[in-house]
Every structure is written in structure tokens, then in C-alpha cells.
Amino acid sequence: MKNLISAFIILLSVLLFATFSAHSQSHQGMYMKLQFLEIDRDDISSFKNDIQEVLIPVNQARIDAGSLKYWYAYRVLYPGSQNTNYNYVIVTICNALCAFENINDHIEGQLTDAELDHLLPRFNNIMIPKFSELWRINNSVLRTEDSKPSRYFMLDYMRVRPGLEYTYQMMEDDNARPIHEYRMENGNMEGWELFSLILPRGDEYGYNFATGNYFSNLRDVEFHFNEEVIRQSSPDVNVAAFIENVENVRTLVRSEVLELIDYLK
């Protein structure tokens, strides 16, 4: 009996460790840069070659130098507006904002002079985005760092009312995150993050927060946050009051779904 109890304790410890590890990766406290590119239809094949020949070697050098943590290339699968003027999004994640400054300063010694002379002019010519944004990752719960990134990245852009930024942050931390963790436990979601916009900013920009939702299957996007999910994950919550409180604090400006085409980590 004693051996049986010991075996049970060991098994329980392993299960608890596995559950914790499944949600151990976190980008919380890091910074994210989004670069929105418009690639002409006739140039898409060439752009895909440029990703392999130019963008990946340069960004791998940034990772090797320790200035860059993660790099992702996405195509816009479902744009957030009928007037969207970009079709690819490059996402880079760093520990500090200064890592987004002059790339030359961060890859010195990682590439030969010949490689720099060949790659950097091409890199700078490719990376001329329609616009760019800098974000801080305020909250993050993802699957293990060793796993392949999720195929789909859904961005929900929010306009939080002035003076309610802290209230919104707490609402996402205390109410929304458990709901998303519940969906992750059930295999319907791969990760969730909360972002606050650093630059550009101002009332005229349109939004100041965003959430990132990660999925492996497109079918899971449909029910990623609705009344049924709220009831299942939080049976004691007054759903009507919960939704009303959310709508009083923030407005969903738009949502878009991106599909992963390549990455470095």
C-alpha cells in the first residue's frame, strides 16, 4: 500500500508538472514590433524567396547576437477591414525597445563584411512597411517554448476609454485570461496575450490595446469568446453583467486573422 501511495504521488506530481509546463512559455514584459507590408500580387513569389535568402539570415544574426528573441512572418488571411492596405505582417519580439533601433549595431560580428554588404541593402529595401507599431506585452500565456508556433494569429484591436486603462488591464487579467486558459486546457486555443500600444498613439489613431489569440485550427476562431464559453469556464459569472462591463470599458475596433508562413526562435 505504501508503494502504491508513493507511485500515486509521483504520478500526480508528473501530471501537475505537465499541466504547468503546457502553459509555461510567456512573453510577458517583452516588447513587440508589428510591420505591415504591402506586397504586389506579382511580387509575392519573389518576396517568399527574399524571406529565405535575406530576412531569415539577418534576423537569425539578430537572435544570435541576443538583441532579438523571436521573429515571425505572417500573411493576412482575413483582414480586419475591407480597405486594408497590407497583406503581410512581420512580428519581432525583444526584451527591450532599444533592440528595435539600428539593426547594424546589433549584428556586428555575427555576419562577415561581405554578407553585410550583400544582405543589409536588400533587407532595408524589403522592410519598407506601410506603417509600424510598437507594443508592450502586458500578459501572456502560451504553450511550451519548444513547440512550433500556432498556425493562426488573431489580433483583436481595442479602443479603451480614457482613464479606464488600468480597469481594462485588470479585467483582462482577472476575467478574460481564465476563460482563455480554460479553452487551452480543452485544446481549443494555443495561447493568448494582451498588448498595450506604445507608438504611435493618440485619440486619432483609433486603438490603444490589442489581444493576440493563437489557434492551430481555423474552426476554433468562431467560438473563441462568447456567452457559452464564459458559462462553461466560469459558471458563477453573470454573463450579461460581464459583457456589459466589458463594453463599458472598451470597444472592439476590428479583428484580423494572420497565417504563419515562417519563424525564428
C-alpha atoms as a PDB file:
ATOM      1  CA  MET A   1       0.000   0.000   0.000  1.00  0.00           C
ATOM      2  CA  LYS A   2       2.831   2.363   0.885  1.00  0.00           C
ATOM      3  CA  ASN A   3       4.446   1.752  -2.503  1.00  0.00           C
ATOM      4  CA  LEU A   4       1.099   2.301  -4.202  1.00  0.00           C
ATOM      5  CA  ILE A   5       0.649   5.661  -2.452  1.00  0.00           C
ATOM      6  CA  SER A   6       4.184   6.692  -3.366  1.00  0.00           C
ATOM      7  CA  ALA A   7       3.576   5.764  -7.002  1.00  0.00           C
ATOM      8  CA  PHE A   8       0.351   7.769  -6.975  1.00  0.00           C
ATOM      9  CA  ILE A   9       2.128  10.824  -5.545  1.00  0.00           C
ATOM     10  CA  ILE A  10       4.831  10.572  -8.205  1.00  0.00           C
ATOM     11  CA  LEU A  11       2.214  10.235 -10.942  1.00  0.00           C
ATOM     12  CA  LEU A  12       0.282  13.226  -9.598  1.00  0.00           C
ATOM     13  CA  SER A  13       3.476  15.302  -9.478  1.00  0.00           C
ATOM     14  CA  VAL A  14       4.245  14.407 -13.084  1.00  0.00           C
ATOM     15  CA  LEU A  15       0.736  15.382 -14.179  1.00  0.00           C
ATOM     16  CA  LEU A  16       0.889  18.676 -12.324  1.00  0.00           C
ATOM     17  CA  PHE A  17       4.293  19.434 -13.823  1.00  0.00           C
ATOM     18  CA  ALA A  18       2.991  18.600 -17.301  1.00  0.00           C
ATOM     19  CA  THR A  19      -0.022  20.861 -16.817  1.00  0.00           C
ATOM     20  CA  PHE A  20       2.193  23.702 -15.621  1.00  0.00           C
ATOM     21  CA  SER A  21       4.681  23.170 -18.457  1.00  0.00           C
ATOM     22  CA  ALA A  22       1.898  23.254 -21.049  1.00  0.00           C
ATOM     23  CA  HIS A  23       1.391  26.903 -20.191  1.00  0.00           C
ATOM     24  CA  SER A  24       4.912  27.819 -19.123  1.00  0.00           C
ATOM     25  CA  GLN A  25       6.011  29.938 -22.040  1.00  0.00           C
ATOM     26  CA  SER A  26       5.399  33.635 -21.614  1.00  0.00           C
ATOM     27  CA  HIS A  27       6.306  36.810 -23.479  1.00  0.00           C
ATOM     28  CA  GLN A  28       5.046  38.945 -20.604  1.00  0.00           C
ATOM     29  CA  GLY A  29       7.062  42.118 -20.124  1.00  0.00           C
ATOM     30  CA  MET A  30       8.653  41.899 -23.585  1.00  0.00           C
ATOM     31  CA  TYR A  31       8.156  44.298 -26.492  1.00  0.00           C
ATOM     32  CA  MET A  32       6.668  43.570 -29.882  1.00  0.00           C
ATOM     33  CA  LYS A  33       7.037  45.362 -33.193  1.00  0.00           C
ATOM     34  CA  LEU A  34       4.497  44.899 -35.966  1.00  0.00           C
ATOM     35  CA  GLN A  35       5.497  45.871 -39.508  1.00  0.00           C
ATOM     36  CA  PHE A  36       2.699  45.888 -42.071  1.00  0.00           C
ATOM     37  CA  LEU A  37       3.845  45.240 -45.642  1.00  0.00           C
ATOM     38  CA  GLU A  38       2.007  45.569 -48.921  1.00  0.00           C
ATOM     39  CA  ILE A  39       3.408  43.121 -51.467  1.00  0.00           C
ATOM     40  CA  ASP A  40       2.082  43.316 -55.025  1.00  0.00           C
ATOM     41  CA  ARG A  41       0.493  40.119 -56.268  1.00  0.00           C
ATOM     42  CA  ASP A  42       3.126  39.779 -58.991  1.00  0.00           C
ATOM     43  CA  ASP A  43       5.918  40.102 -56.420  1.00  0.00           C
ATOM     44  CA  ILE A  44       4.713  37.545 -53.863  1.00  0.00           C
ATOM     45  CA  SER A  45       6.881  34.709 -55.218  1.00  0.00           C
ATOM     46  CA  SER A  46       9.934  36.961 -55.105  1.00  0.00           C
ATOM     47  CA  PHE A  47       9.035  38.092 -51.598  1.00  0.00           C
ATOM     48  CA  LYS A  48       8.888  34.489 -50.386  1.00  0.00           C
ATOM     49  CA  ASN A  49      12.384  33.969 -51.792  1.00  0.00           C
ATOM     50  CA  ASP A  50      13.532  37.129 -50.027  1.00  0.00           C
ATOM     51  CA  ILE A  51      12.255  35.731 -46.737  1.00  0.00           C
ATOM     52  CA  GLN A  52      14.527  32.715 -47.104  1.00  0.00           C
ATOM     53  CA  GLU A  53      17.531  34.471 -48.628  1.00  0.00           C
ATOM     54  CA  VAL A  54      17.516  37.791 -46.758  1.00  0.00           C
ATOM     55  CA  LEU A  55      15.070  38.192 -43.869  1.00  0.00           C
ATOM     56  CA  ILE A  56      15.851  34.905 -42.159  1.00  0.00           C
ATOM     57  CA  PRO A  57      19.687  35.240 -42.260  1.00  0.00           C
ATOM     58  CA  VAL A  58      19.608  38.826 -40.974  1.00  0.00           C
ATOM     59  CA  ASN A  59      17.109  38.107 -38.208  1.00  0.00           C
ATOM     60  CA  GLN A  60      18.938  34.921 -37.239  1.00  0.00           C
ATOM     61  CA  ALA A  61      22.021  37.097 -36.768  1.00  0.00           C
ATOM     62  CA  ARG A  62      19.971  39.388 -34.508  1.00  0.00           C
ATOM     63  CA  ILE A  63      18.870  36.379 -32.460  1.00  0.00           C
ATOM     64  CA  ASP A  64      22.424  35.058 -32.258  1.00  0.00           C
ATOM     65  CA  ALA A  65      23.570  38.476 -31.064  1.00  0.00           C
ATOM     66  CA  GLY A  66      20.974  38.406 -28.293  1.00  0.00           C
ATOM     67  CA  SER A  67      19.083  41.507 -29.385  1.00  0.00           C
ATOM     68  CA  LEU A  68      16.084  39.669 -30.842  1.00  0.00           C
ATOM     69  CA  LYS A  69      14.105  36.885 -29.156  1.00  0.00           C
ATOM     70  CA  TYR A  70      11.531  35.826 -31.765  1.00  0.00           C
ATOM     71  CA  TRP A  71      10.718  36.591 -35.389  1.00  0.00           C
ATOM     72  CA  TYR A  72       7.524  35.650 -37.257  1.00  0.00           C
ATOM     73  CA  ALA A  73       6.308  36.238 -40.800  1.00  0.00           C
ATOM     74  CA  TYR A  74       2.558  36.127 -41.439  1.00  0.00           C
ATOM     75  CA  ARG A  75       0.280  36.610 -44.391  1.00  0.00           C
ATOM     76  CA  VAL A  76      -3.034  38.339 -43.826  1.00  0.00           C
ATOM     77  CA  LEU A  77      -5.631  35.605 -44.188  1.00  0.00           C
ATOM     78  CA  TYR A  78      -8.689  37.637 -43.169  1.00  0.00           C
ATOM     79  CA  PRO A  79      -8.082  41.400 -42.993  1.00  0.00           C
ATOM     80  CA  GLY A  80      -9.742  43.500 -40.341  1.00  0.00           C
ATOM     81  CA  SER A  81     -11.156  45.945 -42.866  1.00  0.00           C
ATOM     82  CA  GLN A  82     -12.319  45.989 -46.463  1.00  0.00           C
ATOM     83  CA  ASN A  83      -9.805  48.788 -47.025  1.00  0.00           C
ATOM     84  CA  THR A  84      -6.763  47.044 -45.534  1.00  0.00           C
ATOM     85  CA  ASN A  85      -3.676  48.208 -47.442  1.00  0.00           C
ATOM     86  CA  TYR A  86      -1.259  45.466 -46.342  1.00  0.00           C
ATOM     87  CA  ASN A  87      -1.131  41.721 -46.896  1.00  0.00           C
ATOM     88  CA  TYR A  88       1.891  40.588 -44.848  1.00  0.00           C
ATOM     89  CA  VAL A  89       2.861  41.290 -41.244  1.00  0.00           C
ATOM     90  CA  ILE A  90       6.322  40.840 -39.738  1.00  0.00           C
ATOM     91  CA  VAL A  91       6.357  40.373 -35.949  1.00  0.00           C
ATOM     92  CA  THR A  92       9.528  40.763 -33.900  1.00  0.00           C
ATOM     93  CA  ILE A  93       9.770  40.355 -30.121  1.00  0.00           C
ATOM     94  CA  CYS A  94      12.604  41.724 -27.976  1.00  0.00           C
ATOM     95  CA  ASN A  95      13.407  42.217 -24.320  1.00  0.00           C
ATOM     96  CA  ALA A  96      14.000  45.963 -24.717  1.00  0.00           C
ATOM     97  CA  LEU A  97      12.839  48.720 -27.050  1.00  0.00           C
ATOM     98  CA  CYS A  98      16.422  49.626 -27.928  1.00  0.00           C
ATOM     99  CA  ALA A  99      16.713  46.309 -29.783  1.00  0.00           C
ATOM    100  CA  PHE A 100      14.431  47.745 -32.471  1.00  0.00           C
ATOM    101  CA  GLU A 101      16.922  50.506 -33.240  1.00  0.00           C
ATOM    102  CA  ASN A 102      19.651  50.389 -35.905  1.00  0.00           C
ATOM    103  CA  ILE A 103      19.968  46.730 -36.874  1.00  0.00           C
ATOM    104  CA  ASN A 104      23.613  47.193 -37.933  1.00  0.00           C
ATOM    105  CA  ASP A 105      24.550  47.853 -34.304  1.00  0.00           C
ATOM    106  CA  HIS A 106      23.033  44.563 -33.181  1.00  0.00           C
ATOM    107  CA  ILE A 107      24.533  42.128 -35.661  1.00  0.00           C
ATOM    108  CA  GLU A 108      28.146  43.273 -35.661  1.00  0.00           C
ATOM    109  CA  GLY A 109      30.356  40.212 -35.542  1.00  0.00           C
ATOM    110  CA  GLN A 110      27.532  37.837 -36.489  1.00  0.00           C
ATOM    111  CA  LEU A 111      27.965  38.226 -40.246  1.00  0.00           C
ATOM    112  CA  THR A 112      31.026  38.776 -42.395  1.00  0.00           C
ATOM    113  CA  ASP A 113      31.593  42.148 -44.057  1.00  0.00           C
ATOM    114  CA  ALA A 114      30.750  40.561 -47.405  1.00  0.00           C
ATOM    115  CA  GLU A 115      27.481  39.176 -46.030  1.00  0.00           C
ATOM    116  CA  LEU A 116      26.585  42.536 -44.523  1.00  0.00           C
ATOM    117  CA  ASP A 117      27.312  44.340 -47.785  1.00  0.00           C
ATOM    118  CA  HIS A 118      25.169  41.828 -49.655  1.00  0.00           C
ATOM    119  CA  LEU A 119      22.259  41.396 -47.233  1.00  0.00           C
ATOM    120  CA  LEU A 120      21.640  44.714 -45.492  1.00  0.00           C
ATOM    121  CA  PRO A 121      20.810  46.809 -48.616  1.00  0.00           C
ATOM    122  CA  ARG A 122      18.354  44.104 -49.690  1.00  0.00           C
ATOM    123  CA  PHE A 123      16.944  43.840 -46.177  1.00  0.00           C
ATOM    124  CA  ASN A 124      16.375  47.589 -45.927  1.00  0.00           C
ATOM    125  CA  ASN A 125      14.769  47.638 -49.349  1.00  0.00           C
ATOM    126  CA  ILE A 126      12.339  44.839 -48.416  1.00  0.00           C
ATOM    127  CA  MET A 127      11.463  46.159 -44.976  1.00  0.00           C
ATOM    128  CA  ILE A 128       9.728  49.366 -46.008  1.00  0.00           C
ATOM    129  CA  PRO A 129       6.352  48.869 -44.310  1.00  0.00           C
ATOM    130  CA  LYS A 130       3.160  50.804 -44.929  1.00  0.00           C
ATOM    131  CA  PHE A 131       3.329  51.507 -41.202  1.00  0.00           C
ATOM    132  CA  SER A 132       4.788  50.059 -37.999  1.00  0.00           C
ATOM    133  CA  GLU A 133       3.666  49.766 -34.388  1.00  0.00           C
ATOM    134  CA  LEU A 134       5.465  49.211 -31.080  1.00  0.00           C
ATOM    135  CA  TRP A 135       3.648  47.298 -28.353  1.00  0.00           C
ATOM    136  CA  ARG A 136       4.315  46.126 -24.817  1.00  0.00           C
ATOM    137  CA  ILE A 137       3.207  42.584 -23.958  1.00  0.00           C
ATOM    138  CA  ASN A 138       1.346  43.029 -20.661  1.00  0.00           C
ATOM    139  CA  ASN A 139       0.080  39.478 -20.233  1.00  0.00           C
ATOM    140  CA  SER A 140       0.943  36.222 -21.928  1.00  0.00           C
ATOM    141  CA  VAL A 141       0.082  32.559 -21.606  1.00  0.00           C
ATOM    142  CA  LEU A 142       1.352  30.254 -24.351  1.00  0.00           C
ATOM    143  CA  ARG A 143       2.304  26.644 -24.831  1.00  0.00           C
ATOM    144  CA  THR A 144       5.850  25.409 -24.300  1.00  0.00           C
ATOM    145  CA  GLU A 145       8.677  27.302 -25.903  1.00  0.00           C
ATOM    146  CA  ASP A 146       9.880  24.188 -27.716  1.00  0.00           C
ATOM    147  CA  SER A 147       6.650  23.774 -29.656  1.00  0.00           C
ATOM    148  CA  LYS A 148       6.071  25.125 -33.148  1.00  0.00           C
ATOM    149  CA  PRO A 149       4.194  28.443 -33.172  1.00  0.00           C
ATOM    150  CA  SER A 150       0.478  28.292 -33.848  1.00  0.00           C
ATOM    151  CA  ARG A 151      -0.660  28.441 -37.433  1.00  0.00           C
ATOM    152  CA  TYR A 152      -3.158  31.253 -36.863  1.00  0.00           C
ATOM    153  CA  PHE A 153      -2.690  34.524 -35.000  1.00  0.00           C
ATOM    154  CA  MET A 154      -5.872  36.525 -34.429  1.00  0.00           C
ATOM    155  CA  LEU A 155      -5.481  40.164 -33.419  1.00  0.00           C
ATOM    156  CA  ASP A 156      -8.366  42.000 -31.761  1.00  0.00           C
ATOM    157  CA  TYR A 157      -7.718  45.751 -31.700  1.00  0.00           C
ATOM    158  CA  MET A 158      -9.356  47.606 -28.798  1.00  0.00           C
ATOM    159  CA  ARG A 159     -10.118  51.209 -28.024  1.00  0.00           C
ATOM    160  CA  VAL A 160     -10.091  51.577 -24.233  1.00  0.00           C
ATOM    161  CA  ARG A 161     -11.825  54.643 -22.895  1.00  0.00           C
ATOM    162  CA  PRO A 162      -9.549  57.331 -21.382  1.00  0.00           C
ATOM    163  CA  GLY A 163      -8.927  56.819 -17.694  1.00  0.00           C
ATOM    164  CA  LEU A 164     -10.015  53.161 -17.771  1.00  0.00           C
ATOM    165  CA  GLU A 165      -6.738  51.639 -18.907  1.00  0.00           C
ATOM    166  CA  TYR A 166      -5.988  50.084 -15.511  1.00  0.00           C
ATOM    167  CA  THR A 167      -9.566  48.821 -15.195  1.00  0.00           C
ATOM    168  CA  TYR A 168      -9.302  47.189 -18.597  1.00  0.00           C
ATOM    169  CA  GLN A 169      -5.946  45.607 -17.733  1.00  0.00           C
ATOM    170  CA  MET A 170      -7.410  44.118 -14.555  1.00  0.00           C
ATOM    171  CA  MET A 171     -10.469  42.916 -16.438  1.00  0.00           C
ATOM    172  CA  GLU A 172      -8.302  41.044 -18.925  1.00  0.00           C
ATOM    173  CA  ASP A 173      -6.028  39.659 -16.196  1.00  0.00           C
ATOM    174  CA  ASP A 174      -8.725  38.540 -13.779  1.00  0.00           C
ATOM    175  CA  ASN A 175     -11.661  37.664 -16.038  1.00  0.00           C
ATOM    176  CA  ALA A 176     -10.566  37.059 -19.618  1.00  0.00           C
ATOM    177  CA  ARG A 177      -7.333  35.145 -19.005  1.00  0.00           C
ATOM    178  CA  PRO A 178      -9.013  32.301 -17.032  1.00  0.00           C
ATOM    179  CA  ILE A 179     -11.522  31.882 -19.853  1.00  0.00           C
ATOM    180  CA  HIS A 180      -8.732  31.548 -22.413  1.00  0.00           C
ATOM    181  CA  GLU A 181      -6.790  29.180 -20.152  1.00  0.00           C
ATOM    182  CA  TYR A 182      -9.916  27.027 -19.933  1.00  0.00           C
ATOM    183  CA  ARG A 183     -10.038  26.891 -23.723  1.00  0.00           C
ATOM    184  CA  MET A 184      -6.366  25.971 -23.839  1.00  0.00           C
ATOM    185  CA  GLU A 185      -6.986  23.139 -21.391  1.00  0.00           C
ATOM    186  CA  ASN A 186      -9.664  21.821 -23.767  1.00  0.00           C
ATOM    187  CA  GLY A 187      -7.397  22.071 -26.811  1.00  0.00           C
ATOM    188  CA  ASN A 188      -9.372  24.856 -28.495  1.00  0.00           C
ATOM    189  CA  MET A 189      -6.694  27.525 -28.205  1.00  0.00           C
ATOM    190  CA  GLU A 190      -2.896  27.631 -28.249  1.00  0.00           C
ATOM    191  CA  GLY A 191      -2.278  30.907 -26.466  1.00  0.00           C
ATOM    192  CA  TRP A 192      -3.455  34.360 -25.505  1.00  0.00           C
ATOM    193  CA  GLU A 193      -1.716  37.694 -24.964  1.00  0.00           C
ATOM    194  CA  LEU A 194      -2.589  41.271 -24.050  1.00  0.00           C
ATOM    195  CA  PHE A 195      -0.768  44.175 -25.713  1.00  0.00           C
ATOM    196  CA  SER A 196      -0.702  47.906 -24.953  1.00  0.00           C
ATOM    197  CA  LEU A 197       0.271  50.316 -27.729  1.00  0.00           C
ATOM    198  CA  ILE A 198       3.389  52.411 -27.181  1.00  0.00           C
ATOM    199  CA  LEU A 199       3.772  54.071 -30.594  1.00  0.00           C
ATOM    200  CA  PRO A 200       2.014  55.579 -32.464  1.00  0.00           C
ATOM    201  CA  ARG A 201      -0.599  56.797 -30.007  1.00  0.00           C
ATOM    202  CA  GLY A 202      -3.296  59.398 -29.541  1.00  0.00           C
ATOM    203  CA  ASP A 203      -7.051  59.661 -29.878  1.00  0.00           C
ATOM    204  CA  GLU A 204      -6.925  59.832 -33.656  1.00  0.00           C
ATOM    205  CA  TYR A 205      -5.046  56.545 -34.020  1.00  0.00           C
ATOM    206  CA  GLY A 206      -8.156  54.529 -33.275  1.00  0.00           C
ATOM    207  CA  TYR A 207      -6.979  51.923 -30.756  1.00  0.00           C
ATOM    208  CA  ASN A 208      -4.595  51.594 -27.831  1.00  0.00           C
ATOM    209  CA  PHE A 209      -4.803  47.940 -26.772  1.00  0.00           C
ATOM    210  CA  ALA A 210      -4.993  44.589 -28.525  1.00  0.00           C
ATOM    211  CA  THR A 211      -5.277  40.930 -27.673  1.00  0.00           C
ATOM    212  CA  GLY A 212      -3.473  38.163 -29.515  1.00  0.00           C
ATOM    213  CA  ASN A 213      -5.232  34.824 -29.830  1.00  0.00           C
ATOM    214  CA  TYR A 214      -3.369  31.772 -31.133  1.00  0.00           C
ATOM    215  CA  PHE A 215      -5.066  28.822 -32.834  1.00  0.00           C
ATOM    216  CA  SER A 216      -3.975  25.679 -34.636  1.00  0.00           C
ATOM    217  CA  ASN A 217      -7.356  25.181 -36.291  1.00  0.00           C
ATOM    218  CA  LEU A 218      -9.373  27.862 -38.019  1.00  0.00           C
ATOM    219  CA  ARG A 219     -12.625  26.344 -36.732  1.00  0.00           C
ATOM    220  CA  ASP A 220     -11.672  27.365 -33.191  1.00  0.00           C
ATOM    221  CA  VAL A 221     -11.727  31.055 -34.135  1.00  0.00           C
ATOM    222  CA  GLU A 222     -15.514  31.054 -34.400  1.00  0.00           C
ATOM    223  CA  PHE A 223     -16.193  30.430 -30.717  1.00  0.00           C
ATOM    224  CA  HIS A 224     -13.107  31.911 -29.146  1.00  0.00           C
ATOM    225  CA  PHE A 225     -15.009  34.258 -26.792  1.00  0.00           C
ATOM    226  CA  ASN A 226     -18.794  34.054 -26.458  1.00  0.00           C
ATOM    227  CA  GLU A 227     -21.516  33.510 -23.877  1.00  0.00           C
ATOM    228  CA  GLU A 228     -21.293  29.721 -23.967  1.00  0.00           C
ATOM    229  CA  VAL A 229     -17.533  29.720 -23.379  1.00  0.00           C
ATOM    230  CA  ILE A 230     -17.932  32.176 -20.488  1.00  0.00           C
ATOM    231  CA  ARG A 231     -20.590  29.985 -18.861  1.00  0.00           C
ATOM    232  CA  GLN A 232     -18.525  26.824 -19.285  1.00  0.00           C
ATOM    233  CA  SER A 233     -15.352  28.329 -17.867  1.00  0.00           C
ATOM    234  CA  SER A 234     -16.971  30.460 -15.139  1.00  0.00           C
ATOM    235  CA  PRO A 235     -20.354  29.005 -14.129  1.00  0.00           C
ATOM    236  CA  ASP A 236     -20.867  31.548 -11.333  1.00  0.00           C
ATOM    237  CA  VAL A 237     -20.377  34.594 -13.553  1.00  0.00           C
ATOM    238  CA  ASN A 238     -23.366  36.739 -14.507  1.00  0.00           C
ATOM    239  CA  VAL A 239     -22.754  36.667 -18.265  1.00  0.00           C
ATOM    240  CA  ALA A 240     -24.958  39.645 -19.118  1.00  0.00           C
ATOM    241  CA  ALA A 241     -23.295  41.820 -16.472  1.00  0.00           C
ATOM    242  CA  PHE A 242     -19.844  40.609 -17.520  1.00  0.00           C
ATOM    243  CA  ILE A 243     -20.408  41.536 -21.175  1.00  0.00           C
ATOM    244  CA  GLU A 244     -21.915  44.892 -20.201  1.00  0.00           C
ATOM    245  CA  ASN A 245     -18.901  45.724 -18.044  1.00  0.00           C
ATOM    246  CA  VAL A 246     -16.557  44.834 -20.889  1.00  0.00           C
ATOM    247  CA  GLU A 247     -18.449  47.004 -23.372  1.00  0.00           C
ATOM    248  CA  ASN A 248     -18.447  49.929 -20.935  1.00  0.00           C
ATOM    249  CA  VAL A 249     -14.658  49.829 -20.760  1.00  0.00           C
ATOM    250  CA  ARG A 250     -13.543  49.061 -24.299  1.00  0.00           C
ATOM    251  CA  THR A 251     -14.730  48.913 -27.895  1.00  0.00           C
ATOM    252  CA  LEU A 252     -13.605  46.237 -30.335  1.00  0.00           C
ATOM    253  CA  VAL A 253     -12.323  48.241 -33.309  1.00  0.00           C
ATOM    254  CA  ARG A 254     -11.527  45.349 -35.628  1.00  0.00           C
ATOM    255  CA  SER A 255     -10.258  41.782 -35.790  1.00  0.00           C
ATOM    256  CA  GLU A 256      -7.945  40.158 -38.294  1.00  0.00           C
ATOM    257  CA  VAL A 257      -6.543  36.669 -38.742  1.00  0.00           C
ATOM    258  CA  LEU A 258      -2.935  36.097 -39.816  1.00  0.00           C
ATOM    259  CA  GLU A 259      -1.446  32.809 -41.032  1.00  0.00           C
ATOM    260  CA  LEU A 260       2.127  31.848 -40.156  1.00  0.00           C
ATOM    261  CA  ILE A 261       4.462  31.365 -43.114  1.00  0.00           C
ATOM    262  CA  ASP A 262       7.854  31.269 -41.335  1.00  0.00           C
ATOM    263  CA  TYR A 263       9.515  31.920 -37.985  1.00  0.00           C
ATOM    264  CA  LEU A 264      12.719  32.013 -35.963  1.00  0.00           C
ATOM    265  CA  LYS A 265      13.130  31.497 -32.228  1.00  0.00           C
END
